[in-house]
């Protein structure tokens, strides 16, 4: 079976690279699933999205919180160039929950606070990437 070559990078570091059966990401145009032999595409990743890399062969899925950036697909190669990315396994769940609570409290106090809304979106993505239920 054909595989994808996948690379996930941020300005700070290479997050992950390897082979996969499928990549699922959320773009400004909606969620996209990439499988081998996918047509070339360039997508803009949403702020506070979750990236899933289905590795197959009995390996667990790789899940990451991705905050902005781009996705590029060509010739069975998927490049995720994220502004900020964090693997679900690296998320400090208690810290992310505290950040979500602070952002929600700030947003309630000032309904037009875009920074609080963005922070809440990032915290929710981090929690979902870590496998936590988020309301």
N, C-alpha and C. Protein backbone atom coordinates (compact mmCIF):
# COMPACT_ATOMS: atom_id res chain seq x y z
N UNK A 1 0.84 -1.18 0.00
CA UNK A 1 0.00 0.00 0.00
C UNK A 1 0.89 1.25 0.00
N UNK A 2 0.49 2.21 -0.78
CA UNK A 2 1.24 3.48 -0.87
C UNK A 2 1.15 4.24 0.46
N UNK A 3 2.18 4.97 0.75
CA UNK A 3 2.24 5.77 1.97
C UNK A 3 2.51 7.23 1.61
N UNK A 4 2.18 8.10 2.54
CA UNK A 4 2.51 9.52 2.45
C UNK A 4 3.80 9.76 3.21
N UNK A 5 4.59 10.69 2.74
CA UNK A 5 5.73 11.18 3.50
C UNK A 5 5.25 12.49 4.14
N UNK A 6 5.32 12.55 5.45
CA UNK A 6 4.74 13.68 6.18
C UNK A 6 5.82 14.36 7.02
N UNK A 7 5.80 15.68 6.99
CA UNK A 7 6.68 16.48 7.84
C UNK A 7 5.86 17.57 8.50
N UNK A 8 6.01 17.70 9.81
CA UNK A 8 5.33 18.74 10.57
C UNK A 8 6.40 19.59 11.22
N UNK A 9 6.47 20.86 10.84
CA UNK A 9 7.49 21.75 11.39
C UNK A 9 6.88 23.06 11.85
N UNK A 10 7.56 23.68 12.79
CA UNK A 10 7.23 25.03 13.24
C UNK A 10 8.54 25.82 13.18
N UNK A 11 8.48 27.13 13.38
CA UNK A 11 9.73 27.90 13.35
C UNK A 11 10.75 27.44 14.40
N UNK A 12 10.28 26.87 15.51
CA UNK A 12 11.17 26.45 16.58
C UNK A 12 11.86 25.12 16.33
N UNK A 13 11.13 24.17 15.65
CA UNK A 13 11.67 22.82 15.53
C UNK A 13 10.88 21.97 14.57
N UNK A 14 11.46 20.82 14.26
CA UNK A 14 10.71 19.80 13.53
C UNK A 14 9.88 19.06 14.57
N UNK A 15 8.58 19.05 14.38
CA UNK A 15 7.69 18.40 15.33
C UNK A 15 7.67 16.89 15.11
N UNK A 16 7.54 16.48 13.84
CA UNK A 16 7.49 15.06 13.51
C UNK A 16 7.68 14.88 12.01
N UNK A 17 8.28 13.76 11.64
CA UNK A 17 8.33 13.38 10.23
C UNK A 17 8.31 11.87 10.15
N UNK A 18 7.72 11.36 9.09
CA UNK A 18 7.64 9.93 8.90
C UNK A 18 6.61 9.58 7.85
N UNK A 19 6.26 8.31 7.80
CA UNK A 19 5.28 7.84 6.83
C UNK A 19 3.91 7.71 7.48
N UNK A 20 2.88 7.87 6.66
CA UNK A 20 1.51 7.79 7.17
C UNK A 20 0.57 7.30 6.08
N UNK A 21 -0.57 6.80 6.51
CA UNK A 21 -1.64 6.38 5.59
C UNK A 21 -2.56 7.55 5.25
N UNK A 22 -2.70 8.49 6.20
CA UNK A 22 -3.65 9.59 6.02
C UNK A 22 -3.30 10.75 6.94
N UNK A 23 -3.60 11.96 6.49
CA UNK A 23 -3.44 13.16 7.30
C UNK A 23 -4.77 13.90 7.28
N UNK A 24 -5.22 14.33 8.46
CA UNK A 24 -6.46 15.09 8.58
C UNK A 24 -6.12 16.42 9.25
N UNK A 25 -6.52 17.52 8.60
CA UNK A 25 -6.22 18.85 9.14
C UNK A 25 -7.42 19.76 8.90
N UNK A 26 -7.50 20.81 9.71
CA UNK A 26 -8.57 21.79 9.55
C UNK A 26 -8.00 23.04 8.90
N UNK A 27 -8.56 23.38 7.75
CA UNK A 27 -8.12 24.57 7.03
C UNK A 27 -9.23 25.62 7.07
N UNK A 28 -8.93 26.81 6.58
CA UNK A 28 -9.95 27.86 6.56
C UNK A 28 -11.12 27.49 5.65
N UNK A 29 -10.91 26.53 4.74
CA UNK A 29 -11.97 26.06 3.85
C UNK A 29 -12.70 24.84 4.39
N UNK A 30 -12.30 24.34 5.55
CA UNK A 30 -12.92 23.17 6.15
C UNK A 30 -11.89 22.09 6.42
N UNK A 31 -12.38 20.97 6.94
CA UNK A 31 -11.49 19.87 7.26
C UNK A 31 -11.11 19.14 5.97
N UNK A 32 -9.85 18.72 5.88
CA UNK A 32 -9.36 18.05 4.69
C UNK A 32 -8.66 16.75 5.10
N UNK A 33 -8.92 15.71 4.35
CA UNK A 33 -8.25 14.43 4.55
C UNK A 33 -7.36 14.15 3.35
N UNK A 34 -6.13 13.82 3.61
CA UNK A 34 -5.15 13.57 2.54
C UNK A 34 -4.75 12.10 2.60
N UNK A 35 -4.87 11.43 1.48
CA UNK A 35 -4.43 10.04 1.35
C UNK A 35 -3.44 9.95 0.19
N UNK A 36 -2.73 8.84 0.07
CA UNK A 36 -1.80 8.70 -1.05
C UNK A 36 -2.50 8.97 -2.39
N UNK A 37 -1.75 9.57 -3.31
CA UNK A 37 -2.18 9.94 -4.65
C UNK A 37 -3.19 11.11 -4.64
N UNK A 38 -3.21 11.87 -3.56
CA UNK A 38 -4.07 13.05 -3.49
C UNK A 38 -3.58 14.10 -4.48
N UNK A 39 -4.49 14.84 -5.04
CA UNK A 39 -4.13 15.93 -5.95
C UNK A 39 -3.34 17.00 -5.18
N UNK A 40 -2.46 17.70 -5.85
CA UNK A 40 -1.72 18.79 -5.18
C UNK A 40 -2.69 19.82 -4.61
N UNK A 41 -2.35 20.30 -3.44
CA UNK A 41 -3.20 21.30 -2.78
C UNK A 41 -2.33 22.13 -1.83
N UNK A 42 -2.74 23.37 -1.64
CA UNK A 42 -2.13 24.25 -0.65
C UNK A 42 -3.27 24.79 0.18
N UNK A 43 -3.19 24.62 1.50
CA UNK A 43 -4.25 25.07 2.39
C UNK A 43 -3.71 25.92 3.52
N UNK A 44 -4.54 26.82 4.00
CA UNK A 44 -4.20 27.66 5.15
C UNK A 44 -4.83 27.02 6.39
N UNK A 45 -4.00 26.70 7.37
CA UNK A 45 -4.48 26.07 8.60
C UNK A 45 -5.16 27.09 9.51
N UNK A 46 -6.21 26.66 10.19
CA UNK A 46 -6.91 27.55 11.11
C UNK A 46 -6.13 27.68 12.41
N UNK A 47 -6.39 28.74 13.10
CA UNK A 47 -5.85 28.96 14.44
C UNK A 47 -6.61 28.03 15.39
N UNK A 48 -5.88 27.24 16.15
CA UNK A 48 -6.53 26.36 17.12
C UNK A 48 -7.11 25.10 16.51
N UNK A 49 -6.47 24.56 15.50
CA UNK A 49 -6.93 23.32 14.89
C UNK A 49 -6.18 22.12 15.43
N UNK A 50 -6.73 20.94 15.13
CA UNK A 50 -6.08 19.70 15.52
C UNK A 50 -5.68 18.95 14.26
N UNK A 51 -4.45 18.50 14.21
CA UNK A 51 -3.90 17.73 13.11
C UNK A 51 -3.82 16.27 13.54
N UNK A 52 -4.31 15.36 12.70
CA UNK A 52 -4.22 13.94 12.99
C UNK A 52 -3.46 13.26 11.86
N UNK A 53 -2.44 12.50 12.23
CA UNK A 53 -1.66 11.73 11.26
C UNK A 53 -1.90 10.26 11.57
N UNK A 54 -2.58 9.58 10.66
CA UNK A 54 -2.87 8.16 10.82
C UNK A 54 -1.70 7.37 10.24
N UNK A 55 -0.92 6.80 11.14
CA UNK A 55 0.32 6.14 10.73
C UNK A 55 0.12 4.72 10.24
N UNK A 56 -0.93 4.06 10.67
CA UNK A 56 -1.19 2.69 10.22
C UNK A 56 -0.20 1.71 10.80
N UNK A 57 -0.21 0.48 10.28
CA UNK A 57 0.71 -0.58 10.70
C UNK A 57 0.71 -0.78 12.21
N UNK A 58 -0.45 -0.61 12.85
CA UNK A 58 -0.56 -0.84 14.28
C UNK A 58 -0.03 0.28 15.15
N UNK A 59 0.50 1.33 14.54
CA UNK A 59 1.00 2.46 15.33
C UNK A 59 -0.15 3.39 15.68
N UNK A 60 -0.06 4.01 16.84
CA UNK A 60 -1.11 4.95 17.24
C UNK A 60 -1.06 6.21 16.39
N UNK A 61 -2.21 6.87 16.28
CA UNK A 61 -2.27 8.12 15.53
C UNK A 61 -1.44 9.19 16.23
N UNK A 62 -0.85 10.06 15.44
CA UNK A 62 -0.14 11.21 15.96
C UNK A 62 -1.14 12.37 15.94
N UNK A 63 -1.31 13.03 17.07
CA UNK A 63 -2.25 14.14 17.16
C UNK A 63 -1.51 15.36 17.68
N UNK A 64 -1.74 16.51 17.04
CA UNK A 64 -1.05 17.73 17.43
C UNK A 64 -2.01 18.91 17.38
N UNK A 65 -1.81 19.85 18.28
CA UNK A 65 -2.52 21.14 18.22
C UNK A 65 -1.70 22.01 17.27
N UNK A 66 -2.39 22.59 16.30
CA UNK A 66 -1.71 23.41 15.30
C UNK A 66 -2.39 24.78 15.27
N UNK A 67 -1.57 25.82 15.36
CA UNK A 67 -2.10 27.18 15.44
C UNK A 67 -1.60 27.99 14.25
N UNK A 68 -2.36 27.96 13.17
CA UNK A 68 -2.01 28.71 11.98
C UNK A 68 -0.91 28.05 11.17
N UNK A 69 -0.74 28.53 9.96
CA UNK A 69 0.29 28.00 9.09
C UNK A 69 -0.30 27.49 7.78
N UNK A 70 0.43 26.58 7.15
CA UNK A 70 0.05 26.08 5.83
C UNK A 70 0.20 24.58 5.74
N UNK A 71 -0.56 23.99 4.83
CA UNK A 71 -0.45 22.58 4.49
C UNK A 71 -0.20 22.52 2.99
N UNK A 72 0.80 21.75 2.59
CA UNK A 72 1.13 21.61 1.18
C UNK A 72 1.16 20.12 0.84
N UNK A 73 0.52 19.76 -0.27
CA UNK A 73 0.49 18.37 -0.71
C UNK A 73 0.92 18.29 -2.16
N UNK A 74 1.88 17.41 -2.45
CA UNK A 74 2.32 17.16 -3.82
C UNK A 74 3.11 15.85 -3.85
N UNK A 75 2.82 15.00 -4.82
CA UNK A 75 3.58 13.76 -5.03
C UNK A 75 3.70 12.90 -3.78
N UNK A 76 2.58 12.69 -3.09
CA UNK A 76 2.54 11.87 -1.87
C UNK A 76 3.40 12.42 -0.74
N UNK A 77 3.67 13.71 -0.78
CA UNK A 77 4.40 14.37 0.29
C UNK A 77 3.51 15.45 0.90
N UNK A 78 3.37 15.42 2.22
CA UNK A 78 2.55 16.39 2.94
C UNK A 78 3.47 17.18 3.86
N UNK A 79 3.47 18.48 3.68
CA UNK A 79 4.26 19.37 4.53
C UNK A 79 3.31 20.24 5.33
N UNK A 80 3.44 20.19 6.63
CA UNK A 80 2.67 21.04 7.53
C UNK A 80 3.65 22.07 8.08
N UNK A 81 3.44 23.33 7.71
CA UNK A 81 4.30 24.42 8.17
C UNK A 81 3.47 25.25 9.12
N UNK A 82 3.56 24.94 10.41
CA UNK A 82 2.72 25.56 11.42
C UNK A 82 3.41 26.75 12.08
N UNK A 83 2.62 27.78 12.36
CA UNK A 83 3.16 28.92 13.13
C UNK A 83 3.56 28.44 14.52
N UNK A 84 2.69 27.63 15.13
CA UNK A 84 2.94 27.01 16.43
C UNK A 84 2.30 25.63 16.39
N UNK A 85 2.99 24.62 16.89
CA UNK A 85 2.44 23.27 16.94
C UNK A 85 2.95 22.56 18.19
N UNK A 86 2.11 21.68 18.71
CA UNK A 86 2.48 20.94 19.91
C UNK A 86 1.84 19.55 19.84
N UNK A 87 2.65 18.52 19.99
CA UNK A 87 2.13 17.16 20.00
C UNK A 87 1.22 16.97 21.21
N UNK A 88 0.18 16.19 21.02
CA UNK A 88 -0.74 15.92 22.12
C UNK A 88 -0.03 15.32 23.33
N UNK A 89 0.97 14.49 23.08
CA UNK A 89 1.72 13.85 24.17
C UNK A 89 2.57 14.84 24.95
N UNK A 90 2.79 16.03 24.40
CA UNK A 90 3.60 17.05 25.08
C UNK A 90 2.77 18.08 25.83
N UNK A 91 1.45 18.02 25.68
CA UNK A 91 0.57 19.03 26.30
C UNK A 91 0.51 18.84 27.80
N UNK A 92 0.71 19.91 28.54
CA UNK A 92 0.51 19.94 29.98
C UNK A 92 -0.98 20.22 30.18
N UNK A 93 -1.75 19.17 30.45
CA UNK A 93 -3.21 19.27 30.49
C UNK A 93 -3.68 20.26 31.55
N UNK A 94 -3.12 20.23 32.74
CA UNK A 94 -3.58 21.15 33.78
C UNK A 94 -3.29 22.60 33.39
N UNK A 95 -2.16 22.83 32.77
CA UNK A 95 -1.82 24.19 32.32
C UNK A 95 -2.77 24.65 31.21
N UNK A 96 -3.10 23.74 30.29
CA UNK A 96 -4.02 24.08 29.21
C UNK A 96 -5.42 24.36 29.76
N UNK A 97 -5.86 23.57 30.74
CA UNK A 97 -7.18 23.81 31.36
C UNK A 97 -7.20 25.18 32.06
N UNK A 98 -6.11 25.51 32.77
CA UNK A 98 -6.03 26.81 33.43
C UNK A 98 -6.07 27.94 32.40
N UNK A 99 -5.38 27.78 31.29
CA UNK A 99 -5.39 28.80 30.24
C UNK A 99 -6.79 28.97 29.66
N UNK A 100 -7.50 27.86 29.48
CA UNK A 100 -8.87 27.93 28.97
C UNK A 100 -9.78 28.66 29.95
N UNK A 101 -9.65 28.34 31.23
CA UNK A 101 -10.48 29.01 32.25
C UNK A 101 -10.19 30.51 32.30
N UNK A 102 -8.91 30.89 32.26
CA UNK A 102 -8.55 32.32 32.27
C UNK A 102 -9.12 33.03 31.04
N UNK A 103 -9.00 32.39 29.89
CA UNK A 103 -9.50 33.00 28.65
C UNK A 103 -11.02 33.15 28.68
N UNK A 104 -11.70 32.14 29.20
CA UNK A 104 -13.16 32.22 29.27
C UNK A 104 -13.59 33.30 30.25
N UNK A 105 -12.90 33.42 31.38
CA UNK A 105 -13.22 34.46 32.36
C UNK A 105 -12.98 35.84 31.76
N UNK A 106 -11.88 36.00 31.06
CA UNK A 106 -11.57 37.27 30.42
C UNK A 106 -12.60 37.61 29.35
N UNK A 107 -13.00 36.63 28.57
CA UNK A 107 -13.97 36.85 27.49
C UNK A 107 -15.34 37.22 28.07
N UNK A 108 -15.71 36.63 29.21
CA UNK A 108 -16.99 36.94 29.83
C UNK A 108 -17.01 38.38 30.33
N UNK A 109 -15.87 38.83 30.84
CA UNK A 109 -15.78 40.19 31.35
C UNK A 109 -15.80 41.23 30.24
N UNK A 110 -15.32 40.87 29.06
CA UNK A 110 -15.25 41.80 27.93
C UNK A 110 -15.56 41.02 26.66
N UNK A 111 -16.79 41.02 26.25
CA UNK A 111 -17.27 40.21 25.12
C UNK A 111 -16.51 40.47 23.81
N UNK A 112 -15.85 41.61 23.68
CA UNK A 112 -15.15 41.93 22.45
C UNK A 112 -13.65 41.65 22.52
N UNK A 113 -13.23 40.90 23.51
CA UNK A 113 -11.81 40.62 23.69
C UNK A 113 -11.38 39.50 22.74
N UNK A 114 -10.83 39.89 21.59
CA UNK A 114 -10.40 38.90 20.58
C UNK A 114 -9.22 38.08 21.06
N UNK A 115 -8.36 38.68 21.87
CA UNK A 115 -7.21 37.93 22.39
C UNK A 115 -7.66 36.77 23.27
N UNK A 116 -8.66 37.01 24.11
CA UNK A 116 -9.19 35.96 24.98
C UNK A 116 -9.84 34.86 24.15
N UNK A 117 -10.55 35.23 23.11
CA UNK A 117 -11.18 34.23 22.25
C UNK A 117 -10.12 33.38 21.54
N UNK A 118 -9.07 34.00 21.06
CA UNK A 118 -7.99 33.26 20.40
C UNK A 118 -7.28 32.35 21.39
N UNK A 119 -7.05 32.84 22.60
CA UNK A 119 -6.39 32.03 23.62
C UNK A 119 -7.26 30.83 23.99
N UNK A 120 -8.56 31.04 24.09
CA UNK A 120 -9.47 29.93 24.39
C UNK A 120 -9.44 28.89 23.27
N UNK A 121 -9.40 29.33 22.03
CA UNK A 121 -9.34 28.42 20.88
C UNK A 121 -8.05 27.59 20.92
N UNK A 122 -6.93 28.25 21.23
CA UNK A 122 -5.66 27.54 21.32
C UNK A 122 -5.68 26.51 22.46
N UNK A 123 -6.23 26.90 23.62
CA UNK A 123 -6.29 25.99 24.76
C UNK A 123 -7.18 24.79 24.45
N UNK A 124 -8.31 25.02 23.79
CA UNK A 124 -9.19 23.91 23.42
C UNK A 124 -8.48 22.94 22.47
N UNK A 125 -7.74 23.47 21.51
CA UNK A 125 -7.01 22.63 20.56
C UNK A 125 -5.96 21.80 21.29
N UNK A 126 -5.25 22.41 22.23
CA UNK A 126 -4.23 21.69 22.99
C UNK A 126 -4.86 20.55 23.78
N UNK A 127 -6.01 20.83 24.40
CA UNK A 127 -6.69 19.79 25.19
C UNK A 127 -7.21 18.67 24.29
N UNK A 128 -7.79 19.02 23.13
CA UNK A 128 -8.27 17.97 22.21
C UNK A 128 -7.10 17.13 21.70
N UNK A 129 -5.97 17.77 21.42
CA UNK A 129 -4.79 17.03 20.95
C UNK A 129 -4.29 16.06 22.02
N UNK A 130 -4.47 16.43 23.28
CA UNK A 130 -4.06 15.57 24.40
C UNK A 130 -5.08 14.49 24.69
N UNK A 131 -6.21 14.49 23.95
CA UNK A 131 -7.23 13.46 24.16
C UNK A 131 -8.25 13.81 25.22
N UNK A 132 -8.29 15.07 25.62
CA UNK A 132 -9.22 15.49 26.65
C UNK A 132 -10.55 15.94 26.03
N UNK A 133 -11.63 15.74 26.77
CA UNK A 133 -12.94 16.22 26.34
C UNK A 133 -13.02 17.72 26.62
N UNK A 134 -13.48 18.48 25.65
CA UNK A 134 -13.59 19.92 25.81
C UNK A 134 -14.98 20.34 25.37
N UNK A 135 -15.61 21.14 26.22
CA UNK A 135 -16.97 21.61 25.90
C UNK A 135 -16.98 22.85 25.06
